[in-house]
């Protein structure tokens, strides 16, 4: 990695929210990068949370929230083949059966799809754009804040897990921050 996106110090609401989400994604990527199947499945303490489980869970959350909910698209595989009832739990448990390359690919592809949907929606309505979620209206702003919070929580988990794997610590990926620029 050569650096990480930094939200603008003075910018639009959309650029600030997207910049914050992209920084969370970059930090999460750094915490999960370059690990083996065994390392991705390591736990600490009594927790069953693993870095592999976090990768798969966040890939699913990206697709569920952005592609399906916001974008109105069909859920891609492997999510589409899973029964809706209990799907989230199956995603967590099944990560242990996936090799490292599959977990990294699932997350990378989901983020690419999310960025495309967000770019389209923000160009047509900005953070105030509304969509239906669970039968109620929501704004894109609320979705972005929710995903920033989701990544913040799970990046904290990843901090502890990665330190237990190989001692990697630190808030930011290596390199200098660069100004976030959409598109």
N, C-alpha and C. Protein backbone atom coordinates (compact mmCIF):
# COMPACT_ATOMS: atom_id res chain seq x y z
N UNK A 1 0.83 -1.18 0.00
CA UNK A 1 0.00 0.00 0.00
C UNK A 1 0.88 1.24 0.00
N UNK A 2 0.42 2.24 -0.68
CA UNK A 2 1.19 3.47 -0.74
C UNK A 2 0.58 4.58 0.09
N UNK A 3 -0.50 4.34 0.72
CA UNK A 3 -1.14 5.35 1.54
C UNK A 3 -2.60 5.00 1.75
N UNK A 4 -3.34 5.97 2.22
CA UNK A 4 -4.74 5.73 2.50
C UNK A 4 -5.52 7.01 2.28
N UNK A 5 -6.81 6.87 1.91
CA UNK A 5 -7.62 8.06 1.66
C UNK A 5 -7.94 8.79 2.95
N UNK A 6 -7.88 10.08 2.88
CA UNK A 6 -8.20 10.94 4.02
C UNK A 6 -9.42 11.77 3.65
N UNK A 7 -10.46 11.77 4.48
CA UNK A 7 -11.61 12.62 4.18
C UNK A 7 -11.16 14.08 4.08
N UNK A 8 -11.83 14.87 3.26
CA UNK A 8 -11.42 16.26 3.13
C UNK A 8 -11.64 17.03 4.44
N UNK A 9 -10.71 17.93 4.74
CA UNK A 9 -10.86 18.78 5.92
C UNK A 9 -11.98 19.80 5.68
N UNK A 10 -12.12 20.21 4.44
CA UNK A 10 -13.20 21.10 4.03
C UNK A 10 -13.74 20.52 2.73
N UNK A 11 -14.92 19.97 2.78
CA UNK A 11 -15.48 19.35 1.59
C UNK A 11 -16.98 19.24 1.69
N UNK A 12 -17.56 18.72 0.65
CA UNK A 12 -19.01 18.53 0.65
C UNK A 12 -19.38 17.42 1.64
N UNK A 13 -20.65 17.38 1.98
CA UNK A 13 -21.11 16.33 2.88
C UNK A 13 -20.86 14.95 2.29
N UNK A 14 -21.19 14.77 1.01
CA UNK A 14 -20.99 13.47 0.36
C UNK A 14 -19.53 13.08 0.35
N UNK A 15 -18.64 14.00 0.00
CA UNK A 15 -17.21 13.68 -0.04
C UNK A 15 -16.66 13.37 1.35
N UNK A 16 -17.16 14.07 2.36
CA UNK A 16 -16.71 13.80 3.73
C UNK A 16 -17.17 12.42 4.19
N UNK A 17 -18.44 12.08 3.94
CA UNK A 17 -18.94 10.76 4.32
C UNK A 17 -18.25 9.65 3.55
N UNK A 18 -18.13 9.81 2.22
CA UNK A 18 -17.46 8.79 1.42
C UNK A 18 -15.99 8.67 1.79
N UNK A 19 -15.34 9.80 2.03
CA UNK A 19 -13.93 9.77 2.45
C UNK A 19 -13.75 9.03 3.75
N UNK A 20 -14.68 9.23 4.68
CA UNK A 20 -14.61 8.51 5.97
C UNK A 20 -14.82 7.02 5.77
N UNK A 21 -15.79 6.65 4.94
CA UNK A 21 -16.01 5.23 4.65
C UNK A 21 -14.80 4.62 3.96
N UNK A 22 -14.23 5.32 3.00
CA UNK A 22 -13.05 4.80 2.29
C UNK A 22 -11.85 4.65 3.22
N UNK A 23 -11.69 5.56 4.17
CA UNK A 23 -10.60 5.43 5.13
C UNK A 23 -10.82 4.19 6.00
N UNK A 24 -12.06 3.96 6.44
CA UNK A 24 -12.36 2.76 7.22
C UNK A 24 -12.07 1.50 6.40
N UNK A 25 -12.47 1.50 5.14
CA UNK A 25 -12.20 0.35 4.27
C UNK A 25 -10.71 0.12 4.13
N UNK A 26 -9.94 1.20 3.95
CA UNK A 26 -8.48 1.06 3.78
C UNK A 26 -7.83 0.51 5.04
N UNK A 27 -8.27 0.99 6.19
CA UNK A 27 -7.71 0.50 7.46
C UNK A 27 -8.07 -0.96 7.67
N UNK A 28 -9.32 -1.32 7.37
CA UNK A 28 -9.74 -2.72 7.48
C UNK A 28 -8.92 -3.60 6.55
N UNK A 29 -8.70 -3.13 5.32
CA UNK A 29 -7.89 -3.89 4.36
C UNK A 29 -6.49 -4.13 4.92
N UNK A 30 -5.90 -3.11 5.48
CA UNK A 30 -4.55 -3.21 6.06
C UNK A 30 -4.52 -4.25 7.18
N UNK A 31 -5.54 -4.26 8.00
CA UNK A 31 -5.58 -5.20 9.13
C UNK A 31 -5.75 -6.65 8.67
N UNK A 32 -6.35 -6.85 7.50
CA UNK A 32 -6.63 -8.21 7.02
C UNK A 32 -5.68 -8.68 5.92
N UNK A 33 -4.78 -7.84 5.48
CA UNK A 33 -3.97 -8.12 4.29
C UNK A 33 -2.95 -9.23 4.49
N UNK A 34 -2.73 -9.97 3.42
CA UNK A 34 -1.59 -10.89 3.28
C UNK A 34 -1.54 -12.00 4.32
N UNK A 35 -2.68 -12.57 4.64
CA UNK A 35 -2.73 -13.65 5.63
C UNK A 35 -3.12 -14.97 4.98
N UNK A 36 -2.74 -16.04 5.62
CA UNK A 36 -3.08 -17.38 5.17
C UNK A 36 -4.46 -17.77 5.68
N UNK A 37 -4.95 -18.89 5.17
CA UNK A 37 -6.23 -19.44 5.63
C UNK A 37 -6.20 -19.63 7.15
N UNK A 38 -5.13 -20.20 7.64
CA UNK A 38 -5.01 -20.45 9.08
C UNK A 38 -5.03 -19.15 9.87
N UNK A 39 -4.29 -18.15 9.41
CA UNK A 39 -4.26 -16.88 10.11
C UNK A 39 -5.61 -16.17 10.08
N UNK A 40 -6.33 -16.26 8.97
CA UNK A 40 -7.64 -15.64 8.86
C UNK A 40 -8.67 -16.31 9.76
N UNK A 41 -8.39 -17.52 10.22
CA UNK A 41 -9.33 -18.27 11.06
C UNK A 41 -8.93 -18.31 12.53
N UNK A 42 -7.91 -17.57 12.90
CA UNK A 42 -7.48 -17.53 14.30
C UNK A 42 -8.46 -16.72 15.14
N UNK A 43 -8.72 -17.19 16.33
CA UNK A 43 -9.58 -16.47 17.28
C UNK A 43 -8.74 -16.06 18.48
N UNK A 44 -9.31 -15.19 19.29
CA UNK A 44 -8.66 -14.84 20.56
C UNK A 44 -9.70 -14.92 21.66
N UNK A 45 -9.25 -15.36 22.81
CA UNK A 45 -10.14 -15.46 23.96
C UNK A 45 -11.33 -16.35 23.67
N UNK A 46 -12.45 -16.00 24.25
CA UNK A 46 -13.67 -16.80 24.10
C UNK A 46 -14.44 -16.45 22.83
N UNK A 47 -14.00 -15.44 22.12
CA UNK A 47 -14.71 -14.99 20.92
C UNK A 47 -14.52 -15.95 19.75
N UNK A 48 -15.56 -16.10 18.94
CA UNK A 48 -15.48 -16.92 17.72
C UNK A 48 -15.20 -16.05 16.50
N UNK A 49 -15.04 -14.74 16.69
CA UNK A 49 -14.80 -13.82 15.57
C UNK A 49 -13.40 -14.06 15.01
N UNK A 50 -13.33 -14.10 13.67
CA UNK A 50 -12.05 -14.26 12.97
C UNK A 50 -11.94 -13.17 11.91
N UNK A 51 -10.72 -12.92 11.44
CA UNK A 51 -10.53 -11.96 10.35
C UNK A 51 -11.23 -12.45 9.09
N UNK A 52 -11.20 -13.75 8.83
CA UNK A 52 -11.91 -14.31 7.69
C UNK A 52 -13.41 -14.10 7.80
N UNK A 53 -13.94 -14.30 9.00
CA UNK A 53 -15.36 -14.06 9.23
C UNK A 53 -15.72 -12.60 9.03
N UNK A 54 -14.83 -11.70 9.47
CA UNK A 54 -15.07 -10.27 9.27
C UNK A 54 -15.05 -9.91 7.79
N UNK A 55 -14.10 -10.46 7.05
CA UNK A 55 -14.05 -10.19 5.60
C UNK A 55 -15.33 -10.62 4.92
N UNK A 56 -15.79 -11.83 5.23
CA UNK A 56 -16.99 -12.34 4.57
C UNK A 56 -18.24 -11.58 5.03
N UNK A 57 -18.31 -11.30 6.31
CA UNK A 57 -19.44 -10.54 6.85
C UNK A 57 -19.53 -9.16 6.20
N UNK A 58 -18.41 -8.45 6.12
CA UNK A 58 -18.44 -7.11 5.54
C UNK A 58 -18.69 -7.14 4.04
N UNK A 59 -18.23 -8.18 3.35
CA UNK A 59 -18.57 -8.34 1.93
C UNK A 59 -20.08 -8.48 1.79
N UNK A 60 -20.67 -9.30 2.63
CA UNK A 60 -22.12 -9.48 2.61
C UNK A 60 -22.85 -8.18 2.94
N UNK A 61 -22.38 -7.47 3.95
CA UNK A 61 -23.02 -6.21 4.34
C UNK A 61 -22.93 -5.18 3.22
N UNK A 62 -21.79 -5.13 2.52
CA UNK A 62 -21.65 -4.22 1.37
C UNK A 62 -22.73 -4.54 0.33
N UNK A 63 -22.84 -5.81 -0.04
CA UNK A 63 -23.82 -6.20 -1.06
C UNK A 63 -25.25 -6.04 -0.56
N UNK A 64 -25.51 -6.40 0.67
CA UNK A 64 -26.86 -6.30 1.22
C UNK A 64 -27.32 -4.84 1.26
N UNK A 65 -26.47 -3.97 1.76
CA UNK A 65 -26.85 -2.57 1.94
C UNK A 65 -26.80 -1.74 0.67
N UNK A 66 -25.76 -1.92 -0.13
CA UNK A 66 -25.60 -1.07 -1.30
C UNK A 66 -26.20 -1.68 -2.56
N UNK A 67 -25.80 -2.89 -2.90
CA UNK A 67 -26.29 -3.49 -4.14
C UNK A 67 -27.78 -3.81 -4.06
N UNK A 68 -28.19 -4.53 -3.03
CA UNK A 68 -29.58 -5.00 -2.94
C UNK A 68 -30.51 -3.90 -2.43
N UNK A 69 -30.22 -3.36 -1.25
CA UNK A 69 -31.13 -2.41 -0.63
C UNK A 69 -31.15 -1.07 -1.36
N UNK A 70 -30.00 -0.44 -1.48
CA UNK A 70 -29.93 0.88 -2.12
C UNK A 70 -30.08 0.79 -3.63
N UNK A 71 -29.38 -0.14 -4.25
CA UNK A 71 -29.37 -0.22 -5.71
C UNK A 71 -30.52 -1.00 -6.31
N UNK A 72 -31.25 -1.76 -5.49
CA UNK A 72 -32.37 -2.55 -6.00
C UNK A 72 -31.95 -3.68 -6.91
N UNK A 73 -30.70 -4.13 -6.77
CA UNK A 73 -30.20 -5.22 -7.60
C UNK A 73 -30.36 -6.54 -6.87
N UNK A 74 -30.24 -7.62 -7.60
CA UNK A 74 -30.27 -8.95 -6.99
C UNK A 74 -28.98 -9.15 -6.21
N UNK A 75 -29.08 -9.88 -5.10
CA UNK A 75 -27.87 -10.25 -4.37
C UNK A 75 -27.05 -11.20 -5.24
N UNK A 76 -25.75 -10.94 -5.35
CA UNK A 76 -24.91 -11.85 -6.12
C UNK A 76 -24.59 -13.11 -5.31
N UNK A 77 -23.98 -14.05 -5.96
CA UNK A 77 -23.48 -15.23 -5.26
C UNK A 77 -22.27 -14.81 -4.43
N UNK A 78 -22.04 -15.47 -3.33
CA UNK A 78 -22.70 -16.66 -2.83
C UNK A 78 -23.96 -16.38 -2.01
N UNK A 79 -24.30 -15.10 -1.80
CA UNK A 79 -25.42 -14.75 -0.92
C UNK A 79 -26.76 -15.20 -1.49
N UNK A 80 -26.92 -15.11 -2.80
CA UNK A 80 -28.21 -15.42 -3.42
C UNK A 80 -28.64 -16.87 -3.19
N UNK A 81 -27.67 -17.77 -3.05
CA UNK A 81 -27.99 -19.19 -2.86
C UNK A 81 -28.30 -19.55 -1.42
N UNK A 82 -28.05 -18.64 -0.52
CA UNK A 82 -28.29 -18.92 0.90
C UNK A 82 -29.74 -18.60 1.26
N UNK A 83 -30.35 -19.40 2.13
CA UNK A 83 -31.71 -19.08 2.56
C UNK A 83 -31.72 -17.74 3.31
N UNK A 84 -32.75 -16.94 3.06
CA UNK A 84 -32.81 -15.62 3.68
C UNK A 84 -32.82 -15.72 5.20
N UNK A 85 -33.57 -16.67 5.73
CA UNK A 85 -33.63 -16.89 7.18
C UNK A 85 -32.27 -17.38 7.68
N UNK A 86 -31.64 -16.62 8.53
CA UNK A 86 -30.36 -17.01 9.12
C UNK A 86 -29.16 -16.81 8.21
N UNK A 87 -29.33 -16.11 7.10
CA UNK A 87 -28.24 -15.93 6.13
C UNK A 87 -27.02 -15.27 6.77
N UNK A 88 -27.25 -14.24 7.59
CA UNK A 88 -26.13 -13.55 8.22
C UNK A 88 -25.26 -14.47 9.07
N UNK A 89 -25.91 -15.35 9.81
CA UNK A 89 -25.17 -16.30 10.66
C UNK A 89 -24.41 -17.31 9.81
N UNK A 90 -25.03 -17.76 8.73
CA UNK A 90 -24.37 -18.71 7.82
C UNK A 90 -23.12 -18.07 7.22
N UNK A 91 -23.21 -16.79 6.87
CA UNK A 91 -22.05 -16.08 6.31
C UNK A 91 -20.89 -16.13 7.29
N UNK A 92 -21.13 -15.79 8.56
CA UNK A 92 -20.07 -15.82 9.57
C UNK A 92 -19.45 -17.22 9.69
N UNK A 93 -20.30 -18.23 9.85
CA UNK A 93 -19.81 -19.60 10.08
C UNK A 93 -19.08 -20.17 8.87
N UNK A 94 -19.57 -19.87 7.69
CA UNK A 94 -19.02 -20.50 6.48
C UNK A 94 -17.66 -19.93 6.07
N UNK A 95 -17.26 -18.81 6.62
CA UNK A 95 -15.96 -18.22 6.25
C UNK A 95 -14.81 -19.18 6.52
N UNK A 96 -14.93 -20.00 7.53
CA UNK A 96 -13.86 -20.95 7.86
C UNK A 96 -13.65 -21.98 6.76
N UNK A 97 -14.67 -22.19 5.91
CA UNK A 97 -14.57 -23.15 4.82
C UNK A 97 -13.99 -22.55 3.55
N UNK A 98 -13.81 -21.23 3.52
CA UNK A 98 -13.30 -20.55 2.33
C UNK A 98 -11.80 -20.34 2.44
N UNK A 99 -11.11 -20.47 1.31
CA UNK A 99 -9.68 -20.17 1.34
C UNK A 99 -9.48 -18.66 1.35
N UNK A 100 -8.26 -18.24 1.67
CA UNK A 100 -7.96 -16.81 1.80
C UNK A 100 -8.27 -16.05 0.52
N UNK A 101 -7.90 -16.60 -0.62
CA UNK A 101 -8.12 -15.91 -1.90
C UNK A 101 -9.62 -15.65 -2.13
N UNK A 102 -10.45 -16.60 -1.78
CA UNK A 102 -11.90 -16.44 -1.94
C UNK A 102 -12.42 -15.34 -1.05
N UNK A 103 -11.99 -15.30 0.20
CA UNK A 103 -12.45 -14.26 1.13
C UNK A 103 -12.04 -12.87 0.66
N UNK A 104 -10.78 -12.73 0.24
CA UNK A 104 -10.32 -11.44 -0.26
C UNK A 104 -11.10 -11.04 -1.51
N UNK A 105 -11.35 -11.98 -2.40
CA UNK A 105 -12.08 -11.70 -3.65
C UNK A 105 -13.52 -11.28 -3.35
N UNK A 106 -14.20 -12.00 -2.45
CA UNK A 106 -15.58 -11.65 -2.10
C UNK A 106 -15.66 -10.20 -1.61
N UNK A 107 -14.75 -9.83 -0.72
CA UNK A 107 -14.77 -8.47 -0.17
C UNK A 107 -14.44 -7.44 -1.25
N UNK A 108 -13.36 -7.68 -2.01
CA UNK A 108 -12.97 -6.73 -3.06
C UNK A 108 -14.10 -6.50 -4.06
N UNK A 109 -14.72 -7.57 -4.53
CA UNK A 109 -15.78 -7.45 -5.53
C UNK A 109 -17.02 -6.74 -4.96
N UNK A 110 -17.34 -7.01 -3.70
CA UNK A 110 -18.50 -6.35 -3.08
C UNK A 110 -18.25 -4.85 -2.95
N UNK A 111 -17.04 -4.46 -2.58
CA UNK A 111 -16.72 -3.04 -2.45
C UNK A 111 -16.79 -2.36 -3.82
N UNK A 112 -16.32 -3.01 -4.86
CA UNK A 112 -16.40 -2.45 -6.21
C UNK A 112 -17.86 -2.21 -6.60
N UNK A 113 -18.73 -3.20 -6.33
CA UNK A 113 -20.15 -3.03 -6.63
C UNK A 113 -20.76 -1.89 -5.81
N UNK A 114 -20.39 -1.81 -4.54
CA UNK A 114 -20.92 -0.76 -3.67
C UNK A 114 -20.53 0.62 -4.17
N UNK A 115 -19.27 0.78 -4.55
CA UNK A 115 -18.82 2.08 -5.06
C UNK A 115 -19.59 2.48 -6.31
N UNK A 116 -19.86 1.53 -7.18
CA UNK A 116 -20.60 1.83 -8.41
C UNK A 116 -22.02 2.29 -8.09
N UNK A 117 -22.71 1.58 -7.20
CA UNK A 117 -24.07 1.96 -6.82
C UNK A 117 -24.06 3.34 -6.16
N UNK A 118 -23.16 3.55 -5.23
CA UNK A 118 -23.10 4.83 -4.53
C UNK A 118 -22.83 5.98 -5.49
N UNK A 119 -21.91 5.79 -6.40
CA UNK A 119 -21.60 6.83 -7.37
C UNK A 119 -22.83 7.22 -8.17
N UNK A 120 -23.57 6.23 -8.60
CA UNK A 120 -24.79 6.45 -9.38
C UNK A 120 -25.85 7.18 -8.56
N UNK A 121 -26.09 6.70 -7.34
CA UNK A 121 -27.14 7.28 -6.50
C UNK A 121 -26.77 8.69 -6.07
N UNK A 122 -25.52 8.91 -5.68
CA UNK A 122 -25.12 10.24 -5.24
C UNK A 122 -25.15 11.25 -6.39
N UNK A 123 -24.84 10.80 -7.59
CA UNK A 123 -24.90 11.70 -8.75
C UNK A 123 -26.33 12.13 -9.05
N UNK A 124 -27.29 11.31 -8.65
CA UNK A 124 -28.70 11.60 -8.94
C UNK A 124 -29.49 12.15 -7.75
N UNK A 125 -28.87 12.33 -6.61
CA UNK A 125 -29.66 12.84 -5.48
C UNK A 125 -28.86 13.21 -4.26
N UNK A 126 -27.57 12.90 -4.23
CA UNK A 126 -26.75 13.25 -3.08
C UNK A 126 -27.14 12.50 -1.83
N UNK A 127 -26.60 12.92 -0.69
CA UNK A 127 -26.87 12.24 0.57
C UNK A 127 -28.34 12.29 0.99
N UNK A 128 -29.10 13.26 0.45
CA UNK A 128 -30.52 13.37 0.79
C UNK A 128 -31.39 12.39 0.03
N UNK A 129 -30.84 11.71 -0.97
CA UNK A 129 -31.63 10.75 -1.75
C UNK A 129 -32.22 9.71 -0.80
N UNK A 130 -33.46 9.32 -1.07
CA UNK A 130 -34.12 8.33 -0.23
C UNK A 130 -34.36 7.05 -1.02
N UNK A 131 -34.50 5.98 -0.29
CA UNK A 131 -34.80 4.66 -0.84
C UNK A 131 -35.56 3.90 0.24
N UNK A 132 -36.15 2.78 -0.15
CA UNK A 132 -36.90 1.94 0.79
C UNK A 132 -35.97 0.90 1.41
N UNK A 133 -36.04 0.78 2.71
CA UNK A 133 -35.28 -0.24 3.43
C UNK A 133 -36.19 -0.85 4.48
N UNK A 134 -36.53 -2.11 4.29
CA UNK A 134 -37.42 -2.78 5.23
C UNK A 134 -38.79 -2.13 5.29
N UNK A 135 -39.25 -1.58 4.16
CA UNK A 135 -40.56 -0.97 4.11
C UNK A 135 -40.63 0.46 4.63
N UNK A 136 -39.50 1.06 4.92
CA UNK A 136 -39.52 2.45 5.41
C UNK A 136 -38.49 3.27 4.63
N UNK A 137 -38.73 4.56 4.50
CA UNK A 137 -37.78 5.39 3.77
C UNK A 137 -36.52 5.65 4.59
N UNK A 138 -35.39 5.66 3.90
CA UNK A 138 -34.10 5.98 4.51
C UNK A 138 -33.35 6.90 3.56
N UNK A 139 -32.42 7.66 4.11
CA UNK A 139 -31.57 8.49 3.26
C UNK A 139 -30.23 7.79 3.03
N UNK A 140 -29.58 8.17 1.96
CA UNK A 140 -28.23 7.67 1.68
C UNK A 140 -27.30 8.11 2.81
N UNK A 141 -27.52 9.30 3.33
CA UNK A 141 -26.71 9.80 4.46
C UNK A 141 -26.72 8.80 5.60
N UNK A 142 -27.92 8.34 5.97
CA UNK A 142 -28.05 7.39 7.08
C UNK A 142 -27.32 6.09 6.77
N UNK A 143 -27.43 5.62 5.53
CA UNK A 143 -26.74 4.39 5.14
C UNK A 143 -25.23 4.55 5.25
N UNK A 144 -24.71 5.67 4.79
CA UNK A 144 -23.26 5.90 4.87
C UNK A 144 -22.79 5.95 6.32
N UNK A 145 -23.53 6.64 7.17
CA UNK A 145 -23.17 6.70 8.59
C UNK A 145 -23.22 5.30 9.21
N UNK A 146 -24.25 4.52 8.87
CA UNK A 146 -24.34 3.15 9.38
C UNK A 146 -23.14 2.30 8.97
N UNK A 147 -22.73 2.42 7.72
CA UNK A 147 -21.60 1.60 7.25
C UNK A 147 -20.27 2.09 7.83
N UNK A 148 -20.12 3.38 8.04
CA UNK A 148 -18.92 3.89 8.72
C UNK A 148 -18.85 3.29 10.12
N UNK A 149 -19.98 3.27 10.81
CA UNK A 149 -20.03 2.69 12.15
C UNK A 149 -19.75 1.18 12.12
N UNK A 150 -20.31 0.50 11.13
CA UNK A 150 -20.09 -0.95 10.99
C UNK A 150 -18.60 -1.25 10.79
N UNK A 151 -17.97 -0.51 9.89
CA UNK A 151 -16.54 -0.70 9.67
C UNK A 151 -15.72 -0.30 10.89
N UNK A 152 -16.10 0.78 11.55
CA UNK A 152 -15.36 1.20 12.75
C UNK A 152 -15.36 0.11 13.82
N UNK A 153 -16.53 -0.47 14.06
CA UNK A 153 -16.63 -1.54 15.07
C UNK A 153 -15.79 -2.74 14.67
N UNK A 154 -15.93 -3.17 13.41
CA UNK A 154 -15.23 -4.39 13.00
C UNK A 154 -13.74 -4.17 12.76
N UNK A 155 -13.34 -2.94 12.44
CA UNK A 155 -11.91 -2.67 12.33
C UNK A 155 -11.28 -2.73 13.72
N UNK A 156 -12.03 -2.35 14.74
CA UNK A 156 -11.54 -2.52 16.12
C UNK A 156 -11.32 -3.99 16.45
N UNK A 157 -12.26 -4.85 16.03
CA UNK A 157 -12.06 -6.29 16.21
C UNK A 157 -10.81 -6.75 15.45
N UNK A 158 -10.69 -6.26 14.21
CA UNK A 158 -9.55 -6.65 13.38
C UNK A 158 -8.23 -6.20 13.99
N UNK A 159 -8.21 -5.06 14.67
CA UNK A 159 -6.99 -4.61 15.36
C UNK A 159 -6.49 -5.67 16.33
N UNK A 160 -7.40 -6.16 17.16
CA UNK A 160 -7.02 -7.15 18.17
C UNK A 160 -6.62 -8.47 17.53
N UNK A 161 -7.40 -8.91 16.55
CA UNK A 161 -7.11 -10.19 15.90
C UNK A 161 -5.77 -10.15 15.17
N UNK A 162 -5.52 -9.08 14.43
CA UNK A 162 -4.27 -9.00 13.67
C UNK A 162 -3.06 -8.91 14.60
N UNK A 163 -3.18 -8.18 15.67
CA UNK A 163 -2.07 -8.11 16.62
C UNK A 163 -1.76 -9.50 17.18
N UNK A 164 -2.78 -10.30 17.43
CA UNK A 164 -2.58 -11.65 17.94
C UNK A 164 -1.96 -12.57 16.89
N UNK A 165 -2.19 -12.29 15.61
CA UNK A 165 -1.63 -13.13 14.54
C UNK A 165 -0.14 -12.88 14.38
N UNK A 166 0.24 -11.62 14.20
CA UNK A 166 1.66 -11.35 13.89
C UNK A 166 2.19 -10.06 14.48
N UNK A 167 1.45 -9.46 15.38
CA UNK A 167 1.92 -8.25 16.04
C UNK A 167 1.66 -6.96 15.29
N UNK A 168 1.02 -7.02 14.11
CA UNK A 168 0.76 -5.79 13.36
C UNK A 168 -0.18 -4.89 14.16
N UNK A 169 0.25 -3.66 14.37
CA UNK A 169 -0.55 -2.66 15.07
C UNK A 169 -0.49 -1.35 14.28
N UNK A 170 -1.29 -0.43 14.68
CA UNK A 170 -1.28 0.89 14.05
C UNK A 170 -2.66 1.26 13.55
N UNK A 171 -2.93 2.55 13.58
CA UNK A 171 -4.24 3.04 13.16
C UNK A 171 -4.39 3.09 11.66
N UNK A 172 -3.33 3.46 10.97
CA UNK A 172 -3.41 3.70 9.53
C UNK A 172 -2.51 2.75 8.76
N UNK A 173 -2.88 2.46 7.51
CA UNK A 173 -1.97 1.70 6.65
C UNK A 173 -0.68 2.50 6.46
N UNK A 174 0.39 1.83 6.03
CA UNK A 174 1.64 2.56 5.80
C UNK A 174 1.48 3.54 4.64
N UNK A 175 2.34 4.52 4.62
CA UNK A 175 2.33 5.53 3.56
C UNK A 175 1.63 6.79 4.03
N UNK A 176 1.69 7.77 3.17
CA UNK A 176 1.11 9.08 3.51
C UNK A 176 -0.36 9.11 3.10
N UNK A 177 -1.16 9.81 3.87
CA UNK A 177 -2.56 9.95 3.46
C UNK A 177 -2.66 10.76 2.17
N UNK A 178 -3.70 10.47 1.39
CA UNK A 178 -3.96 11.26 0.19
C UNK A 178 -5.40 11.74 0.25
N UNK A 179 -5.65 12.87 -0.37
CA UNK A 179 -6.99 13.44 -0.34
C UNK A 179 -7.96 12.52 -1.04
N UNK A 180 -9.05 12.19 -0.38
CA UNK A 180 -10.06 11.37 -1.01
C UNK A 180 -10.67 12.12 -2.19
N UNK A 181 -10.80 11.41 -3.28
CA UNK A 181 -11.41 11.98 -4.48
C UNK A 181 -12.38 10.95 -5.05
N UNK A 182 -13.68 11.25 -5.09
CA UNK A 182 -14.63 10.27 -5.63
C UNK A 182 -14.39 10.03 -7.11
N UNK A 183 -14.72 8.80 -7.52
CA UNK A 183 -14.61 8.45 -8.94
C UNK A 183 -13.28 8.02 -9.26
